[in-house]
Amino acid sequence: MEKPPKADREQLTENGDRAPAVTRAAAILKLLSVQKVGLGVSEIARQLELFPSTCLHVLRALVDAGFVAFDSENKTYRTSIGLLSLVRNSLASRGFQQAVQVQLDRLAAAHHLTALAVELDNFDRMVVVSISRANSIVSLHVNVGSRFPSLISATGRCVAAESGLSKAELKQKFKHLRWEKTPRFEDWYVEVERARKDKVALDFGFYARGVTVLSTLIPQPRDNATRGIALIGLEHQMTEKLLGQLRSELLDAARQVSAQLR
C-alpha cells in the first residue's frame, strides 16, 4: 500500500483536540495567499504533502465557503475576495481598529503623512491593520494586511525595548532581519535603549531608503496585545522641527487609543 504523505499521516494530539481538516484548510490558504498566479490541485498537494483527493476535497469546501476561487479554464485555485471581505469585516468590528482610525486620520491629514496601525501576530510579525494615507501627490504604498518582522524599522525598536529580551538574545534575532541599509547592531541597540526611555523610535532610511518612520506602541490594554502606531514620510518631509512635534502627538494618540480599550 502507498505510504500516505506526511500531512495525511498526522495524528491527533494526546488531548484529541487536533482538527486535521482545519489544519489542511489553513495550510492551503496560507500557500495560495502568497502566490501571484493560481495553482492546480496536483501542485498544491505536492507542496503540502497531501493526497490529491484530500486536497481536492478541502479546496472544494473552501470554494463553497467563498474563501477560494476556482478558474475553470486553467483548472487552478487562488484566494478569493471573500476571504478579504471576511478579514476586513473582522477588523472593522474590533475595538482597536475603530479607536485607532480616528487618530490615524487626524495625524495623516494634519501632517500630510501616511499613518498606520500595526498588531503583533502569532508568528512574530507585525501586521498592518489600519491605515490613513497622506493627502499629497506622493504617498507611500502600504496596504492593510502587509506584514513585516516584529523587530524591523522604528516599530521594531519599540518592540525590542519592551520585549524583555537580553542584549544577546536581541543580537541573535537581529541577524535575521533584512534592511535596505543594515544598521550596525550596536547603533541599533542604542536606539532600542532610547526607545525604552522615550517610548518612541525613529528609522532614518534603514528599512526603506529615503523613508523616515516614527513609531510608538499602544500602552497595553486588558488583552495585553502588542500594537503600535507609525507615521511614515519621505526624508525631506520629516524635518527635526516636525519630528519634535510628531513625537508629542504620537504619544498622545497612543494614550487616547489605549484609554478607549480599557
Foldseek 3Di string as FASTA:
>chain_A
DDDAFPLVPDDAPPVNPDDSLVVLLVLLQVVQVPDPDFAALVVSCVVVRHDSVSSVVSQVVCVVVQQKDADPVVRGIHGGVVVVVVLLVVLVPDLLQVLLQVLQQVVQAVQQWKKFKWFQDPVQKTFTSDIDWGPDPDTDDDDGGDIFHCLDFFNNLLCVLPVPDDLVVVVVVLVPHDAPARDDSVVSPVQSPVCNVLQKGWDACTRHRQKIKIKGWQDAAPVRITMIMIIMDGPVSDDPVVVVVVSVSRVVSSPSSRVSRD
